Protein backbone atom coordinates (compact mmCIF):
# COMPACT_ATOMS: atom_id res chain seq x y z
CA MET A 1 90.69 128.91 71.07
CA ILE A 2 91.72 129.54 75.22
CA ARG A 3 93.11 125.92 75.69
CA LYS A 4 95.42 126.55 72.60
CA ALA A 5 96.86 130.18 74.13
CA ARG A 6 97.83 128.74 77.45
CA GLU A 7 99.53 125.99 75.80
CA LEU A 8 101.61 128.65 73.94
CA PRO A 9 105.49 129.57 75.44
CA PRO A 10 105.44 132.33 78.01
CA ILE A 11 107.70 134.44 75.79
CA ALA A 12 105.47 134.28 72.88
CA VAL A 13 102.35 135.47 75.07
CA ASP A 14 104.60 138.05 76.63
CA ALA A 15 105.59 139.37 73.12
CA ALA A 16 102.28 139.56 71.81
CA LEU A 17 100.95 141.78 74.60
CA ALA A 18 104.31 143.97 74.02
CA SER A 19 102.98 144.02 70.38
CA ALA A 20 100.07 144.94 70.72
CA VAL A 21 100.55 147.86 73.32
CA ILE A 22 102.86 149.09 70.83
CA LEU A 23 100.37 149.00 68.02
CA VAL A 24 98.17 150.90 70.43
CA THR A 25 100.53 153.73 71.09
CA ILE A 26 101.46 153.96 67.01
CA LEU A 27 97.99 154.67 66.73
CA GLU A 28 97.40 156.61 69.96
CA LEU A 29 100.48 158.82 69.04
CA ALA A 30 99.58 158.93 65.00
CA TRP A 31 95.97 159.64 65.34
CA TRP A 32 93.78 159.64 68.69
CA ILE A 33 96.29 162.36 70.21
CA PRO A 34 96.57 164.55 66.97
CA ALA A 35 92.72 164.10 66.62
CA ARG A 36 91.88 165.47 70.30
CA ASP A 37 95.03 168.06 70.23
CA PRO A 38 95.59 169.46 66.68
CA THR A 39 98.77 171.03 68.32
CA ALA A 40 100.38 168.14 69.55
CA HIS A 41 102.14 166.51 67.14
CA ALA A 42 104.43 163.19 68.47
CA LYS A 43 107.91 163.10 67.76
CA ALA A 44 110.41 160.37 67.07
CA ILE A 45 111.48 160.08 70.91
CA ASP A 46 107.79 159.75 71.95
CA TYR A 47 107.80 156.66 69.63
CA ALA A 48 110.78 155.21 71.06
CA LEU A 49 110.15 155.82 74.81
CA MET A 50 106.41 154.29 74.08
CA THR A 51 107.98 151.33 72.31
CA ALA A 52 110.87 150.47 74.68
CA SER A 53 107.81 151.05 77.98
CA ALA A 54 105.66 148.26 75.94
CA ALA A 55 109.13 145.96 75.22
CA ALA A 56 109.59 145.75 78.70
CA LEU A 57 106.63 143.52 78.82
CA ALA A 58 108.93 140.64 77.11
CA LEU A 59 111.18 140.56 80.11
CA ARG A 60 108.28 140.75 82.90
CA ARG A 61 108.64 136.76 83.35
CA ARG A 62 112.59 136.58 84.00
CA ASN A 63 113.25 139.58 85.53
CA LEU A 64 110.35 142.07 86.97
CA LEU A 65 111.99 144.23 88.26
CA ALA A 66 114.13 145.44 85.57
CA ALA A 67 110.85 145.23 83.35
CA TRP A 68 109.47 147.72 85.68
CA ILE A 69 112.14 150.04 86.04
CA LEU A 70 112.75 150.02 82.49
CA SER A 71 108.73 150.31 81.76
CA ARG A 72 108.45 153.12 84.62
CA ALA A 73 111.53 154.80 83.48
CA CYS A 74 110.09 155.41 79.95
CA ALA A 75 106.64 156.49 81.36
CA ILE A 76 107.73 159.68 83.66
CA PRO A 77 108.25 161.96 80.81
CA ILE A 78 105.27 160.57 79.45
CA ALA A 79 103.28 161.49 82.79
CA LEU A 80 104.83 164.48 83.11
CA HIS A 81 103.88 165.23 79.94
CA VAL A 82 107.40 165.98 78.44
CA VAL A 83 106.51 163.86 75.35
CA TYR A 84 102.77 162.59 74.36
CA GLY A 85 101.25 159.53 74.87
CA GLU A 86 99.44 159.42 78.53
CA ASP A 87 96.68 157.81 77.27
CA ILE A 88 94.91 154.23 76.64
CA GLY A 89 98.61 152.69 75.92
CA THR A 90 100.42 153.75 78.98
CA HIS A 91 97.39 152.81 81.02
CA ILE A 92 97.17 149.20 79.75
CA LEU A 93 101.10 148.76 80.22
CA ALA A 94 100.62 149.85 83.73
CA ALA A 95 97.39 147.22 84.50
CA ILE A 96 99.51 144.26 82.88
CA MET A 97 102.77 145.58 84.76
CA LEU A 98 100.73 145.82 88.15
CA TYR A 99 98.60 142.50 87.28
CA THR A 100 102.10 140.69 87.29
CA ILE A 101 103.29 142.26 89.98
CA ALA A 102 100.39 141.38 92.67
CA GLU A 103 100.51 137.82 91.05
CA HIS A 104 104.26 136.86 91.34
CA CYS A 105 105.48 139.07 94.57
CA SER A 106 104.51 138.95 98.04
CA LEU A 107 101.66 141.16 99.89
CA ARG A 108 103.93 144.14 100.64
CA VAL A 109 105.92 144.57 97.31
CA ALA A 110 102.27 143.85 95.27
CA VAL A 111 101.14 147.08 97.51
CA ALA A 112 104.28 149.12 96.88
CA GLY A 113 103.84 148.73 93.46
CA LEU A 114 100.10 149.46 93.55
CA LEU A 115 101.12 152.64 95.09
CA ALA A 116 103.85 153.74 92.87
CA GLU A 117 101.33 152.76 89.74
CA TYR A 118 98.85 154.85 91.40
CA GLY A 119 100.99 157.88 92.24
CA LEU A 120 102.85 157.51 88.87
CA ILE A 121 99.00 157.90 87.26
CA THR A 122 97.89 160.91 89.34
CA VAL A 123 100.99 162.81 88.67
CA ASN A 124 98.94 164.03 86.08
CA VAL A 125 96.31 165.57 88.17
CA PHE A 126 98.88 167.90 89.27
CA THR A 127 100.42 168.88 85.72
CA PRO A 128 99.05 172.06 84.08
CA PRO A 129 96.68 172.21 82.73
CA ILE A 130 94.64 170.94 86.15
CA SER A 131 90.69 170.15 85.36
CA GLY A 132 87.92 168.47 87.29
CA GLN A 133 88.13 165.79 84.70
CA PHE A 134 92.04 165.26 85.50
CA VAL A 135 91.21 165.09 89.07
CA PHE A 136 88.34 162.86 88.93
CA GLN A 137 90.40 160.12 86.33
CA GLY A 138 92.97 160.50 88.95
CA PHE A 139 91.88 159.97 92.57
CA TYR A 140 88.71 157.58 91.43
CA TYR A 141 88.86 156.13 88.28
CA PHE A 142 92.33 154.79 87.89
CA ALA A 143 91.88 154.14 91.89
CA PHE A 144 88.94 151.57 91.10
CA LEU A 145 90.59 150.35 87.99
CA LEU A 146 94.07 150.01 89.35
CA GLY A 147 92.59 148.43 92.62
CA PHE A 148 90.70 145.79 90.37
CA VAL A 149 93.91 144.78 88.78
CA PHE A 150 95.45 144.58 91.73
CA PHE A 151 93.10 141.77 93.57
CA ALA A 152 92.92 140.25 90.53
CA GLY A 153 96.43 139.24 90.58
CA ARG A 154 96.17 138.62 94.16
CA ALA A 155 93.48 136.17 93.37
CA GLN A 156 95.46 134.82 90.44
CA ARG A 157 98.22 134.31 93.00
CA TYR A 158 95.79 132.75 95.50
CA ARG A 159 94.50 130.43 93.32
CA ARG A 160 97.90 129.23 91.79
CA GLY A 161 98.84 128.39 95.27
CA LEU A 162 95.60 126.29 95.61
CA THR A 163 96.73 124.56 92.34
CA ALA A 164 100.21 123.61 93.69
CA ASP A 165 98.69 122.61 97.35
CA LEU A 166 96.29 120.14 95.70
CA VAL A 167 99.12 118.93 92.98
CA ASP A 168 101.60 118.46 96.20
CA GLN A 169 98.35 116.59 98.43
CA THR A 170 97.47 114.14 95.39
CA THR A 171 101.11 113.11 94.88
CA GLU A 172 101.58 112.60 98.80
CA LEU A 173 98.13 110.40 98.58
CA ARG A 174 99.02 108.42 95.27
CA ASN A 175 102.46 107.70 97.13
CA GLU A 176 100.84 106.81 100.07
CA GLN A 177 98.22 104.47 98.06
CA GLU A 178 101.36 102.81 96.47
CA LEU A 179 103.03 102.48 99.63
CA LEU A 180 99.78 100.68 101.40
CA ALA A 181 99.27 98.32 98.02
CA ALA A 182 102.85 97.47 98.05
CA GLN A 183 102.71 96.93 102.19
CA ALA A 184 99.23 94.90 101.48
CA VAL A 185 100.85 92.83 98.94
CA ALA A 186 104.15 91.68 101.22
CA VAL A 187 101.63 90.82 104.01
CA GLU A 188 99.68 88.63 101.41
CA ARG A 189 102.95 87.31 100.05
CA ARG A 190 104.05 86.06 103.61
CA ARG A 191 100.57 84.66 104.53
CA ILE A 192 100.64 82.77 101.22
CA ALA A 193 104.36 81.92 102.39
CA ARG A 194 103.07 80.24 105.58
CA ASP A 195 100.47 78.39 104.17
CA LEU A 196 102.84 76.67 101.20
CA HIS A 197 104.81 75.72 104.45
CA SER A 198 102.00 74.36 106.34
CA LEU A 199 100.49 72.32 103.10
CA VAL A 200 104.25 70.86 102.39
CA ILE A 201 105.03 69.83 105.98
CA GLU A 202 101.55 68.27 106.61
CA GLY A 203 101.53 66.55 103.04
CA ILE A 204 105.04 65.17 103.63
CA GLU A 205 103.92 64.23 107.14
CA ARG A 206 100.87 62.13 105.59
CA MET A 207 103.37 60.18 102.85
CA ALA A 208 105.92 59.69 106.03
CA ALA A 209 102.85 58.01 107.32
CA ASP A 210 101.68 56.01 104.18
CA THR A 211 105.28 55.01 103.69
CA ALA A 212 105.57 53.27 106.69
CA THR A 213 101.98 51.47 106.80
CA ALA A 214 103.21 50.61 102.75
CA ARG A 215 106.62 48.73 104.41
CA LEU A 216 104.49 47.17 106.79
CA GLU A 217 102.01 45.85 104.28
CA LEU A 218 104.74 44.86 101.84
CA ALA A 219 106.59 43.03 104.62
CA THR A 220 103.97 40.24 105.43
CA ASN A 221 102.97 40.32 101.82
CA SER A 222 99.23 41.71 102.66
CA PRO A 223 96.90 42.21 99.94
CA ASP A 224 96.70 45.82 101.11
CA ALA A 225 99.80 46.93 100.32
CA SER A 226 98.80 48.42 97.31
CA LEU A 227 96.12 50.63 98.73
CA ALA A 228 98.88 51.99 100.69
CA ILE A 229 100.95 52.66 97.66
CA GLU A 230 97.71 54.39 96.07
CA SER A 231 97.82 56.56 99.40
CA ILE A 232 101.14 57.94 98.79
CA GLU A 233 100.63 58.49 94.79
CA SER A 234 97.30 60.11 96.05
CA THR A 235 98.74 62.39 98.44
CA GLY A 236 101.32 63.29 96.49
CA ARG A 237 99.53 64.34 93.64
CA ARG A 238 97.00 66.46 95.85
CA THR A 239 100.15 68.27 97.62
CA LEU A 240 101.40 68.92 94.41
CA GLU A 241 98.27 70.69 92.95
CA GLU A 242 97.24 72.16 96.24
CA MET A 243 101.32 73.80 96.09
CA GLY A 244 100.44 75.20 92.61
CA ARG A 245 97.19 76.82 93.58
CA VAL A 246 99.30 78.81 96.17
CA LEU A 247 102.05 79.59 93.83
CA SER A 248 99.65 80.77 90.98
CA LEU A 249 98.37 83.40 93.38
CA MET A 250 101.82 84.38 94.45
CA ASP A 251 102.97 85.21 90.68
CA VAL A 252 99.60 86.47 90.01
CA GLU A 253 100.73 89.88 89.92
CA THR A 254 104.55 89.51 87.85
CA ASN A 255 103.41 86.37 85.56
CA PRO A 256 100.43 86.57 83.52
CA GLU A 257 100.18 82.56 83.68
CA PRO A 258 99.97 80.91 86.59
CA ALA A 259 102.20 78.74 87.94
CA SER A 260 101.80 75.33 87.90
CA LEU A 261 103.28 72.04 89.02
CA SER A 262 103.19 69.14 86.34
CA THR A 263 101.93 65.67 88.12
CA ALA A 264 102.72 63.65 84.86
CA GLY A 265 105.54 62.12 87.35
CA LEU A 266 103.04 60.72 89.19
CA GLU A 267 100.63 59.79 87.06
CA SER A 268 103.08 58.15 85.25
CA MET A 269 103.83 55.74 88.23
CA PRO A 270 102.31 52.29 88.12
């Protein structure tokens, strides 16, 4: 299931996150905040700001700066208690935005984003009513929460960098391996070509010597003339067979059927 989720398009993942945050904030505004404070009632502006703030998640991969500005602009009146909603929904949104900044931005930008998110959340400490619980949440709880999210994002960035480096190294090694293999094939082909050249020259020289011997034998009507002619035939056949074996080595990578030289012509000789 996790693998299938990773295969989803990024826009689908961001839309799902935005929808989840919007659902949480709607439940929060409609049920949790009134249950905690019966005098608090969310207005249309509250739902609109929370929805716009969460919808900014859909832009975080295309334009992170615009998404962060939009979400934080909507969160400022929430943090100042101008509207209701400073609870789970906004904290989830802040964590997601900070994680994205830490993952995709440089260290300086990521630290600036961390301080901005932390400062925006701790504004509640200085907004009446001030209590020990608010101080604890503002300075300690959220420091730990945002710090954890920040380091998780940086770890993901480091992992992505290592993965990219490994992919590059693997590609480079594969290219070098293919280059070395091609060079080895070229060297082997040159060696075979030299062997083939030597084989042909040696066979022709033997046949020339046997031909000269046969000419002398025929001139004297010697009974050994037929033996000299048979030697020429045997030398030619042997040379062709050896050439066929050498050529089959050269064609083994490009032709599944090894090359061969026919000796039918020689075999049909009287």
